[in-house]
Amino acid sequence: MASLRPSMHPLTRPRGMAYCPHPMTTQRPPLPLIFGFAAFLVVIAAIVGASLVRPQKLEFAPTPPGAWPSGGPGPDTVTLDTRDPSRWQFYSVKRGAISPPDTADWDLAFRRYHAITSGSAADAGTNASFEGAAEPAASVFTETVFARDTVNAALSRWYRYGFVTHLLRPNGHIFLVQTRGGARIKLEFLSYYCPGGQPGCLTFRWATLEKR
């Protein structure tokens, strides 16, 4: 039967025998790890808090059928019901909202959050205000591509999508539009929501584009 050897105190261990620290000795985690974990908790708390707060958004009822534009340089504010994902809603700067099949002289069209023009468009960015936007060089305008997925690249990103709130909000840009008939207007998106918070009421304002 093997004999049990008592543990040795470090001061009494024989020469040449290495001292091994107690296996249960613990070390503090490094500071970068602690700070990283704390930052992670702050981000999670911010995301959870944002999801619990009811976000504020502008809501507009659709413009009544038969409402005509003012006939002047504007601005005119319009809300179209774009909730039908299979049907474009057309708008004329001269006639207002147009009902199919009478769509010969439309200038703008919308389906859900998609926006196109019969001619071309340019993104003036956030540097220009709606009131101060003026006609730029024609080379900045982008034509609408009519295909299975009709799109105008300049108008396709008029919104920002909130991954936490799941809301579409205007990105604050001013857009310049040249219609197929030669008219030039400035365009600003205001909202995408109907009363009650339901999506699909696309609201915008437009005015005649002044020459520099």
C-alpha atoms as a PDB file:
ATOM      1  CA  MET A   1       0.000   0.000   0.000  1.00  0.00           C
ATOM      2  CA  ALA A   2       1.447   3.337  -1.063  1.00  0.00           C
ATOM      3  CA  SER A   3       2.121   5.770   1.732  1.00  0.00           C
ATOM      4  CA  LEU A   4       0.589   9.212   1.653  1.00  0.00           C
ATOM      5  CA  ARG A   5       3.161  11.987   1.546  1.00  0.00           C
ATOM      6  CA  PRO A   6       2.229  15.153   3.331  1.00  0.00           C
ATOM      7  CA  SER A   7       2.236  18.326   1.248  1.00  0.00           C
ATOM      8  CA  MET A   8       5.368  20.425   1.598  1.00  0.00           C
ATOM      9  CA  HIS A   9       5.481  24.062   2.578  1.00  0.00           C
ATOM     10  CA  PRO A  10       7.368  26.180   0.013  1.00  0.00           C
ATOM     11  CA  LEU A  11      10.033  27.002   2.573  1.00  0.00           C
ATOM     12  CA  THR A  12      10.666  23.362   3.446  1.00  0.00           C
ATOM     13  CA  ARG A  13      10.649  21.797  -0.045  1.00  0.00           C
ATOM     14  CA  PRO A  14      13.886  20.090  -1.115  1.00  0.00           C
ATOM     15  CA  ARG A  15      16.315  21.934  -3.309  1.00  0.00           C
ATOM     16  CA  GLY A  16      15.686  21.604  -7.065  1.00  0.00           C
ATOM     17  CA  MET A  17      11.982  20.972  -6.619  1.00  0.00           C
ATOM     18  CA  ALA A  18       9.950  23.596  -8.528  1.00  0.00           C
ATOM     19  CA  TYR A  19       7.190  25.384  -6.712  1.00  0.00           C
ATOM     20  CA  CYS A  20       3.764  25.091  -8.344  1.00  0.00           C
ATOM     21  CA  PRO A  21       1.129  27.593  -7.352  1.00  0.00           C
ATOM     22  CA  HIS A  22      -2.148  26.349  -5.997  1.00  0.00           C
ATOM     23  CA  PRO A  23      -4.302  25.143  -8.920  1.00  0.00           C
ATOM     24  CA  MET A  24      -7.338  27.088  -7.651  1.00  0.00           C
ATOM     25  CA  THR A  25      -5.552  30.443  -7.971  1.00  0.00           C
ATOM     26  CA  THR A  26      -7.749  32.791 -10.129  1.00  0.00           C
ATOM     27  CA  GLN A  27      -6.735  35.718 -12.313  1.00  0.00           C
ATOM     28  CA  ARG A  28      -8.710  38.891 -13.039  1.00  0.00           C
ATOM     29  CA  PRO A  29      -9.943  39.217 -16.653  1.00  0.00           C
ATOM     30  CA  PRO A  30      -8.051  41.807 -18.727  1.00  0.00           C
ATOM     31  CA  LEU A  31      -9.450  45.350 -18.774  1.00  0.00           C
ATOM     32  CA  PRO A  32     -10.154  45.405 -22.556  1.00  0.00           C
ATOM     33  CA  LEU A  33     -12.406  42.380 -22.104  1.00  0.00           C
ATOM     34  CA  ILE A  34     -14.269  44.064 -19.262  1.00  0.00           C
ATOM     35  CA  PHE A  35     -14.755  47.283 -21.242  1.00  0.00           C
ATOM     36  CA  GLY A  36     -15.846  45.352 -24.326  1.00  0.00           C
ATOM     37  CA  PHE A  37     -18.492  43.448 -22.376  1.00  0.00           C
ATOM     38  CA  ALA A  38     -19.743  46.671 -20.774  1.00  0.00           C
ATOM     39  CA  ALA A  39     -20.060  48.301 -24.205  1.00  0.00           C
ATOM     40  CA  PHE A  40     -21.987  45.260 -25.447  1.00  0.00           C
ATOM     41  CA  LEU A  41     -24.458  45.586 -22.566  1.00  0.00           C
ATOM     42  CA  VAL A  42     -24.933  49.305 -23.307  1.00  0.00           C
ATOM     43  CA  VAL A  43     -25.713  48.576 -26.980  1.00  0.00           C
ATOM     44  CA  ILE A  44     -28.201  45.834 -26.069  1.00  0.00           C
ATOM     45  CA  ALA A  45     -29.913  48.134 -23.571  1.00  0.00           C
ATOM     46  CA  ALA A  46     -30.176  50.891 -26.205  1.00  0.00           C
ATOM     47  CA  ILE A  47     -31.728  48.503 -28.758  1.00  0.00           C
ATOM     48  CA  VAL A  48     -34.243  47.153 -26.250  1.00  0.00           C
ATOM     49  CA  GLY A  49     -35.106  50.670 -25.079  1.00  0.00           C
ATOM     50  CA  ALA A  50     -35.640  51.910 -28.632  1.00  0.00           C
ATOM     51  CA  SER A  51     -37.935  48.975 -29.384  1.00  0.00           C
ATOM     52  CA  LEU A  52     -40.093  49.803 -26.366  1.00  0.00           C
ATOM     53  CA  VAL A  53     -40.505  53.494 -27.198  1.00  0.00           C
ATOM     54  CA  ARG A  54     -43.283  54.208 -29.658  1.00  0.00           C
ATOM     55  CA  PRO A  55     -41.665  56.245 -32.457  1.00  0.00           C
ATOM     56  CA  GLN A  56     -43.284  59.428 -33.708  1.00  0.00           C
ATOM     57  CA  LYS A  57     -44.137  59.644 -37.402  1.00  0.00           C
ATOM     58  CA  LEU A  58     -46.130  61.939 -39.657  1.00  0.00           C
ATOM     59  CA  GLU A  59     -49.453  60.543 -40.835  1.00  0.00           C
ATOM     60  CA  PHE A  60     -51.549  61.839 -43.740  1.00  0.00           C
ATOM     61  CA  ALA A  61     -54.913  60.857 -45.179  1.00  0.00           C
ATOM     62  CA  PRO A  62     -55.002  60.342 -48.963  1.00  0.00           C
ATOM     63  CA  THR A  63     -55.774  63.440 -51.013  1.00  0.00           C
ATOM     64  CA  PRO A  64     -59.473  63.356 -52.018  1.00  0.00           C
ATOM     65  CA  PRO A  65     -60.167  62.116 -55.563  1.00  0.00           C
ATOM     66  CA  GLY A  66     -60.526  64.899 -58.102  1.00  0.00           C
ATOM     67  CA  ALA A  67     -58.283  67.353 -56.230  1.00  0.00           C
ATOM     68  CA  TRP A  68     -56.418  69.438 -58.768  1.00  0.00           C
ATOM     69  CA  PRO A  69     -53.040  71.137 -58.359  1.00  0.00           C
ATOM     70  CA  SER A  70     -53.043  74.838 -57.579  1.00  0.00           C
ATOM     71  CA  GLY A  71     -52.066  75.710 -61.140  1.00  0.00           C
ATOM     72  CA  GLY A  72     -49.220  77.939 -59.971  1.00  0.00           C
ATOM     73  CA  PRO A  73     -45.582  77.281 -59.145  1.00  0.00           C
ATOM     74  CA  GLY A  74     -46.607  75.474 -55.958  1.00  0.00           C
ATOM     75  CA  PRO A  75     -45.775  74.046 -53.592  1.00  0.00           C
ATOM     76  CA  ASP A  76     -48.548  71.467 -53.595  1.00  0.00           C
ATOM     77  CA  THR A  77     -48.690  68.723 -50.950  1.00  0.00           C
ATOM     78  CA  VAL A  78     -50.161  65.428 -52.134  1.00  0.00           C
ATOM     79  CA  THR A  79     -50.885  62.077 -50.461  1.00  0.00           C
ATOM     80  CA  LEU A  80     -51.494  59.036 -52.657  1.00  0.00           C
ATOM     81  CA  ASP A  81     -52.789  55.676 -51.491  1.00  0.00           C
ATOM     82  CA  THR A  82     -50.025  53.329 -52.653  1.00  0.00           C
ATOM     83  CA  ARG A  83     -50.968  50.313 -50.558  1.00  0.00           C
ATOM     84  CA  ASP A  84     -51.780  48.088 -53.539  1.00  0.00           C
ATOM     85  CA  PRO A  85     -48.464  46.315 -54.332  1.00  0.00           C
ATOM     86  CA  SER A  86     -49.592  45.398 -57.857  1.00  0.00           C
ATOM     87  CA  ARG A  87     -50.789  48.798 -59.089  1.00  0.00           C
ATOM     88  CA  TRP A  88     -49.001  52.061 -59.836  1.00  0.00           C
ATOM     89  CA  GLN A  89     -50.648  55.313 -58.747  1.00  0.00           C
ATOM     90  CA  PHE A  90     -50.079  58.100 -61.274  1.00  0.00           C
ATOM     91  CA  TYR A  91     -49.825  61.832 -60.748  1.00  0.00           C
ATOM     92  CA  SER A  92     -49.748  64.779 -63.149  1.00  0.00           C
ATOM     93  CA  VAL A  93     -48.435  68.195 -62.137  1.00  0.00           C
ATOM     94  CA  LYS A  94     -51.221  69.674 -64.293  1.00  0.00           C
ATOM     95  CA  ARG A  95     -54.123  67.358 -63.498  1.00  0.00           C
ATOM     96  CA  GLY A  96     -53.345  65.879 -60.114  1.00  0.00           C
ATOM     97  CA  ALA A  97     -54.003  62.188 -59.399  1.00  0.00           C
ATOM     98  CA  ILE A  98     -54.871  60.168 -62.503  1.00  0.00           C
ATOM     99  CA  SER A  99     -56.900  56.967 -62.553  1.00  0.00           C
ATOM    100  CA  PRO A 100     -56.001  54.213 -65.038  1.00  0.00           C
ATOM    101  CA  PRO A 101     -56.399  53.631 -67.911  1.00  0.00           C
ATOM    102  CA  ASP A 102     -56.128  57.393 -68.590  1.00  0.00           C
ATOM    103  CA  THR A 103     -52.393  57.666 -67.919  1.00  0.00           C
ATOM    104  CA  ALA A 104     -51.122  59.364 -71.080  1.00  0.00           C
ATOM    105  CA  ASP A 105     -49.626  62.467 -69.451  1.00  0.00           C
ATOM    106  CA  TRP A 106     -48.519  61.297 -66.022  1.00  0.00           C
ATOM    107  CA  ASP A 107     -45.387  62.818 -64.471  1.00  0.00           C
ATOM    108  CA  LEU A 108     -44.858  60.805 -61.281  1.00  0.00           C
ATOM    109  CA  ALA A 109     -45.905  57.290 -60.326  1.00  0.00           C
ATOM    110  CA  PHE A 110     -45.789  55.418 -57.033  1.00  0.00           C
ATOM    111  CA  ARG A 111     -46.317  51.814 -55.919  1.00  0.00           C
ATOM    112  CA  ARG A 112     -45.845  51.117 -52.225  1.00  0.00           C
ATOM    113  CA  TYR A 113     -42.539  52.894 -51.482  1.00  0.00           C
ATOM    114  CA  HIS A 114     -41.331  52.822 -55.108  1.00  0.00           C
ATOM    115  CA  ALA A 115     -41.184  56.128 -56.989  1.00  0.00           C
ATOM    116  CA  ILE A 116     -40.541  56.864 -60.675  1.00  0.00           C
ATOM    117  CA  THR A 117     -40.988  59.706 -63.117  1.00  0.00           C
ATOM    118  CA  SER A 118     -42.036  59.676 -66.762  1.00  0.00           C
ATOM    119  CA  GLY A 119     -38.786  61.437 -67.624  1.00  0.00           C
ATOM    120  CA  SER A 120     -35.655  61.761 -65.493  1.00  0.00           C
ATOM    121  CA  ALA A 121     -34.677  62.773 -61.974  1.00  0.00           C
ATOM    122  CA  ALA A 122     -31.701  63.933 -59.923  1.00  0.00           C
ATOM    123  CA  ASP A 123     -30.892  63.670 -56.226  1.00  0.00           C
ATOM    124  CA  ALA A 124     -29.903  67.127 -54.964  1.00  0.00           C
ATOM    125  CA  GLY A 125     -28.926  65.712 -51.563  1.00  0.00           C
ATOM    126  CA  THR A 126     -29.342  67.465 -48.227  1.00  0.00           C
ATOM    127  CA  ASN A 127     -27.308  70.565 -49.034  1.00  0.00           C
ATOM    128  CA  ALA A 128     -30.234  72.181 -50.837  1.00  0.00           C
ATOM    129  CA  SER A 129     -33.396  73.253 -49.042  1.00  0.00           C
ATOM    130  CA  PHE A 130     -36.755  72.770 -50.701  1.00  0.00           C
ATOM    131  CA  GLU A 131     -37.270  76.514 -50.963  1.00  0.00           C
ATOM    132  CA  GLY A 132     -33.770  77.157 -52.313  1.00  0.00           C
ATOM    133  CA  ALA A 133     -33.464  74.256 -54.757  1.00  0.00           C
ATOM    134  CA  ALA A 134     -32.849  75.469 -58.307  1.00  0.00           C
ATOM    135  CA  GLU A 135     -32.230  73.958 -61.707  1.00  0.00           C
ATOM    136  CA  PRO A 136     -28.874  72.145 -62.016  1.00  0.00           C
ATOM    137  CA  ALA A 137     -26.946  71.011 -65.068  1.00  0.00           C
ATOM    138  CA  ALA A 138     -28.919  68.532 -67.198  1.00  0.00           C
ATOM    139  CA  SER A 139     -26.127  65.946 -66.990  1.00  0.00           C
ATOM    140  CA  VAL A 140     -27.029  64.998 -63.399  1.00  0.00           C
ATOM    141  CA  PHE A 141     -30.457  63.656 -64.370  1.00  0.00           C
ATOM    142  CA  THR A 142     -31.077  59.893 -64.475  1.00  0.00           C
ATOM    143  CA  GLU A 143     -33.617  58.348 -66.822  1.00  0.00           C
ATOM    144  CA  THR A 144     -36.323  55.990 -65.592  1.00  0.00           C
ATOM    145  CA  VAL A 145     -35.706  52.410 -66.733  1.00  0.00           C
ATOM    146  CA  PHE A 146     -38.970  50.811 -67.845  1.00  0.00           C
ATOM    147  CA  ALA A 147     -38.693  47.046 -67.424  1.00  0.00           C
ATOM    148  CA  ARG A 148     -40.115  44.231 -65.325  1.00  0.00           C
ATOM    149  CA  ASP A 149     -38.843  46.102 -62.264  1.00  0.00           C
ATOM    150  CA  THR A 150     -39.312  49.700 -63.389  1.00  0.00           C
ATOM    151  CA  VAL A 151     -37.050  51.998 -61.399  1.00  0.00           C
ATOM    152  CA  ASN A 152     -35.461  55.403 -61.370  1.00  0.00           C
ATOM    153  CA  ALA A 153     -32.119  55.186 -59.580  1.00  0.00           C
ATOM    154  CA  ALA A 154     -32.257  58.804 -58.387  1.00  0.00           C
ATOM    155  CA  LEU A 155     -35.619  58.289 -56.652  1.00  0.00           C
ATOM    156  CA  SER A 156     -35.190  54.716 -55.468  1.00  0.00           C
ATOM    157  CA  ARG A 157     -33.625  55.635 -52.121  1.00  0.00           C
ATOM    158  CA  TRP A 158     -35.736  58.533 -50.925  1.00  0.00           C
ATOM    159  CA  TYR A 159     -36.148  56.789 -47.542  1.00  0.00           C
ATOM    160  CA  ARG A 160     -34.233  55.322 -44.627  1.00  0.00           C
ATOM    161  CA  TYR A 161     -35.330  52.034 -43.088  1.00  0.00           C
ATOM    162  CA  GLY A 162     -35.154  51.640 -39.305  1.00  0.00           C
ATOM    163  CA  PHE A 163     -34.055  48.100 -38.412  1.00  0.00           C
ATOM    164  CA  VAL A 164     -35.262  48.563 -34.834  1.00  0.00           C
ATOM    165  CA  THR A 165     -38.475  50.508 -35.503  1.00  0.00           C
ATOM    166  CA  HIS A 166     -39.192  48.914 -38.929  1.00  0.00           C
ATOM    167  CA  LEU A 167     -40.295  52.313 -40.205  1.00  0.00           C
ATOM    168  CA  LEU A 168     -39.586  54.068 -43.484  1.00  0.00           C
ATOM    169  CA  ARG A 169     -38.653  57.699 -43.044  1.00  0.00           C
ATOM    170  CA  PRO A 170     -37.689  60.305 -45.676  1.00  0.00           C
ATOM    171  CA  ASN A 171     -33.921  60.727 -45.903  1.00  0.00           C
ATOM    172  CA  GLY A 172     -34.232  64.521 -46.074  1.00  0.00           C
ATOM    173  CA  HIS A 173     -33.027  64.830 -49.667  1.00  0.00           C
ATOM    174  CA  ILE A 174     -34.497  67.158 -52.276  1.00  0.00           C
ATOM    175  CA  PHE A 175     -35.127  65.621 -55.697  1.00  0.00           C
ATOM    176  CA  LEU A 176     -35.258  67.368 -59.051  1.00  0.00           C
ATOM    177  CA  VAL A 177     -37.536  65.983 -61.745  1.00  0.00           C
ATOM    178  CA  GLN A 178     -37.774  66.617 -65.455  1.00  0.00           C
ATOM    179  CA  THR A 179     -41.005  65.171 -66.792  1.00  0.00           C
ATOM    180  CA  ARG A 180     -41.558  63.629 -70.201  1.00  0.00           C
ATOM    181  CA  GLY A 181     -43.435  66.766 -71.199  1.00  0.00           C
ATOM    182  CA  GLY A 182     -40.448  68.995 -70.351  1.00  0.00           C
ATOM    183  CA  ALA A 183     -41.643  70.420 -67.033  1.00  0.00           C
ATOM    184  CA  ARG A 184     -39.081  70.647 -64.241  1.00  0.00           C
ATOM    185  CA  ILE A 185     -40.109  70.392 -60.622  1.00  0.00           C
ATOM    186  CA  LYS A 186     -38.504  69.924 -57.204  1.00  0.00           C
ATOM    187  CA  LEU A 187     -39.782  67.136 -55.012  1.00  0.00           C
ATOM    188  CA  GLU A 188     -39.603  66.351 -51.298  1.00  0.00           C
ATOM    189  CA  PHE A 189     -40.985  63.242 -49.592  1.00  0.00           C
ATOM    190  CA  LEU A 190     -42.723  63.869 -46.265  1.00  0.00           C
ATOM    191  CA  SER A 191     -44.173  60.574 -45.037  1.00  0.00           C
ATOM    192  CA  TYR A 192     -45.186  57.018 -45.878  1.00  0.00           C
ATOM    193  CA  TYR A 193     -47.927  56.508 -43.300  1.00  0.00           C
ATOM    194  CA  CYS A 194     -51.715  56.746 -43.218  1.00  0.00           C
ATOM    195  CA  PRO A 195     -53.734  57.694 -40.136  1.00  0.00           C
ATOM    196  CA  GLY A 196     -53.394  54.984 -37.529  1.00  0.00           C
ATOM    197  CA  GLY A 197     -49.818  54.242 -38.496  1.00  0.00           C
ATOM    198  CA  GLN A 198     -50.661  52.025 -41.459  1.00  0.00           C
ATOM    199  CA  PRO A 199     -48.000  52.139 -44.210  1.00  0.00           C
ATOM    200  CA  GLY A 200     -48.832  53.002 -47.793  1.00  0.00           C
ATOM    201  CA  CYS A 201     -49.928  56.656 -47.804  1.00  0.00           C
ATOM    202  CA  LEU A 202     -47.029  58.279 -49.623  1.00  0.00           C
ATOM    203  CA  THR A 203     -46.968  62.028 -49.051  1.00  0.00           C
ATOM    204  CA  PHE A 204     -44.797  64.454 -50.991  1.00  0.00           C
ATOM    205  CA  ARG A 205     -44.700  68.116 -51.925  1.00  0.00           C
ATOM    206  CA  TRP A 206     -43.579  69.585 -55.191  1.00  0.00           C
ATOM    207  CA  ALA A 207     -43.080  72.991 -56.778  1.00  0.00           C
ATOM    208  CA  THR A 208     -41.920  74.375 -60.104  1.00  0.00           C
ATOM    209  CA  LEU A 209     -38.143  74.315 -60.348  1.00  0.00           C
ATOM    210  CA  GLU A 210     -36.760  77.810 -60.653  1.00  0.00           C
ATOM    211  CA  LYS A 211     -33.947  78.584 -63.070  1.00  0.00           C
ATOM    212  CA  ARG A 212     -30.653  79.905 -61.688  1.00  0.00           C
END
